[in-house]
């Protein structure tokens, strides 16, 4: 049975290209998803797939190698809508100077 999950995360996710990481996991677990990057600290993902695949995808996002960059993770079941593929939407981004961007990148290491 196909299900729909809304995932909400907060953390230092742009600094580590969480978009690419979540897309890689979606392909790995056969998940259809919409990735929404609201600003530099939070991400919303609408994901659809078989229940076991969704559980594996959630585990991959929450407990994978980038887990240290997440400080809030929430997943809730919702109504199935029929997402096709993986879409990445940039809702809005903060205006940061090159110095602030560099400082954020260096703080990851």
Protein backbone atom coordinates (compact mmCIF):
# COMPACT_ATOMS: atom_id res chain seq x y z
CA UNK A 1 0.00 0.00 0.00
CA UNK A 2 1.31 3.45 -0.95
CA UNK A 3 1.57 6.10 1.76
CA UNK A 4 2.37 9.81 2.05
CA UNK A 5 4.63 11.21 4.78
CA UNK A 6 5.40 14.86 5.55
CA UNK A 7 8.90 15.27 6.99
CA UNK A 8 10.06 18.44 8.73
CA UNK A 9 13.69 19.00 9.74
CA UNK A 10 15.72 21.81 11.25
CA UNK A 11 19.47 22.03 11.36
CA UNK A 12 22.53 23.06 9.40
CA UNK A 13 21.23 21.34 6.27
CA UNK A 14 22.23 23.74 3.47
CA UNK A 15 25.83 23.68 4.65
CA UNK A 16 26.06 19.97 3.81
CA UNK A 17 23.90 19.86 0.63
CA UNK A 18 21.05 17.99 2.27
CA UNK A 19 19.06 18.33 -0.95
CA UNK A 20 21.44 15.99 -2.79
CA UNK A 21 21.56 13.64 0.21
CA UNK A 22 17.77 13.37 0.42
CA UNK A 23 17.48 12.87 -3.34
CA UNK A 24 20.06 10.06 -3.25
CA UNK A 25 18.05 8.34 -0.50
CA UNK A 26 14.82 8.78 -2.45
CA UNK A 27 16.29 6.97 -5.46
CA UNK A 28 17.82 4.30 -3.23
CA UNK A 29 14.49 3.50 -1.53
CA UNK A 30 12.19 4.11 -4.53
CA UNK A 31 10.57 7.18 -2.97
CA UNK A 32 8.73 9.92 -4.86
CA UNK A 33 9.30 13.24 -3.11
CA UNK A 34 9.10 17.02 -3.11
CA UNK A 35 11.97 18.71 -1.27
CA UNK A 36 11.21 22.22 -0.01
CA UNK A 37 14.00 24.36 1.35
CA UNK A 38 12.43 27.20 3.28
CA UNK A 39 15.55 28.95 4.49
CA UNK A 40 19.01 28.08 5.65
CA UNK A 41 17.91 25.99 8.63
CA UNK A 42 14.73 24.09 7.77
CA UNK A 43 13.59 21.61 5.15
CA UNK A 44 10.18 20.09 4.40
CA UNK A 45 9.93 16.88 2.40
CA UNK A 46 6.71 15.32 1.13
CA UNK A 47 7.51 11.67 0.43
CA UNK A 48 5.44 8.83 -1.03
CA UNK A 49 6.10 5.15 -1.45
CA UNK A 50 5.49 1.76 0.04
CA UNK A 51 5.40 1.70 3.83
CA UNK A 52 8.63 -0.32 4.23
CA UNK A 53 10.45 1.92 1.74
CA UNK A 54 9.22 5.06 3.52
CA UNK A 55 10.36 3.69 6.88
CA UNK A 56 13.81 2.97 5.39
CA UNK A 57 13.96 6.46 3.86
CA UNK A 58 13.01 8.12 7.16
CA UNK A 59 15.69 6.07 8.95
CA UNK A 60 18.22 7.03 6.25
CA UNK A 61 17.47 10.74 6.69
CA UNK A 62 17.27 10.67 10.48
CA UNK A 63 20.13 8.30 11.33
CA UNK A 64 22.42 8.50 8.30
CA UNK A 65 25.83 10.16 8.04
CA UNK A 66 24.37 13.68 8.12
CA UNK A 67 22.36 13.18 11.32
CA UNK A 68 24.73 15.38 13.31
CA UNK A 69 23.48 18.37 11.28
CA UNK A 70 19.82 17.81 12.28
CA UNK A 71 18.54 19.08 15.60
CA UNK A 72 14.79 18.63 15.00
CA UNK A 73 13.14 15.83 13.00
CA UNK A 74 9.42 15.13 12.68
CA UNK A 75 7.52 12.81 10.31
CA UNK A 76 3.72 12.68 10.01
CA UNK A 77 1.46 10.58 7.80
CA UNK A 78 -0.81 12.51 5.45
CA UNK A 79 -3.16 11.97 2.51
CA UNK A 80 -1.63 10.33 -0.59
CA UNK A 81 -1.41 12.78 -3.52
CA UNK A 82 0.52 10.90 -6.23
CA UNK A 83 3.93 12.59 -6.41
CA UNK A 84 5.93 11.67 -9.51
CA UNK A 85 9.75 11.69 -9.30
CA UNK A 86 11.88 13.93 -7.10
CA UNK A 87 11.33 17.68 -7.20
CA UNK A 88 13.40 20.28 -5.41
CA UNK A 89 11.77 23.62 -4.63
CA UNK A 90 13.63 26.57 -3.18
CA UNK A 91 10.92 28.51 -1.36
CA UNK A 92 13.20 31.40 -0.34
CA UNK A 93 16.76 31.88 0.79
CA UNK A 94 18.35 34.29 3.16
CA UNK A 95 20.46 37.00 1.64
CA UNK A 96 23.89 36.25 2.99
CA UNK A 97 27.13 37.95 2.25
CA UNK A 98 29.99 35.85 0.91
CA UNK A 99 31.65 36.15 4.31
CA UNK A 100 28.64 34.71 6.15
CA UNK A 101 28.39 31.86 3.64
CA UNK A 102 32.07 31.07 4.05
CA UNK A 103 31.76 31.17 7.83
CA UNK A 104 28.83 28.68 7.69
CA UNK A 105 30.75 26.35 5.40
CA UNK A 106 33.84 26.40 7.63
CA UNK A 107 31.78 25.82 10.79
CA UNK A 108 30.71 22.40 9.43
CA UNK A 109 34.29 21.15 9.58
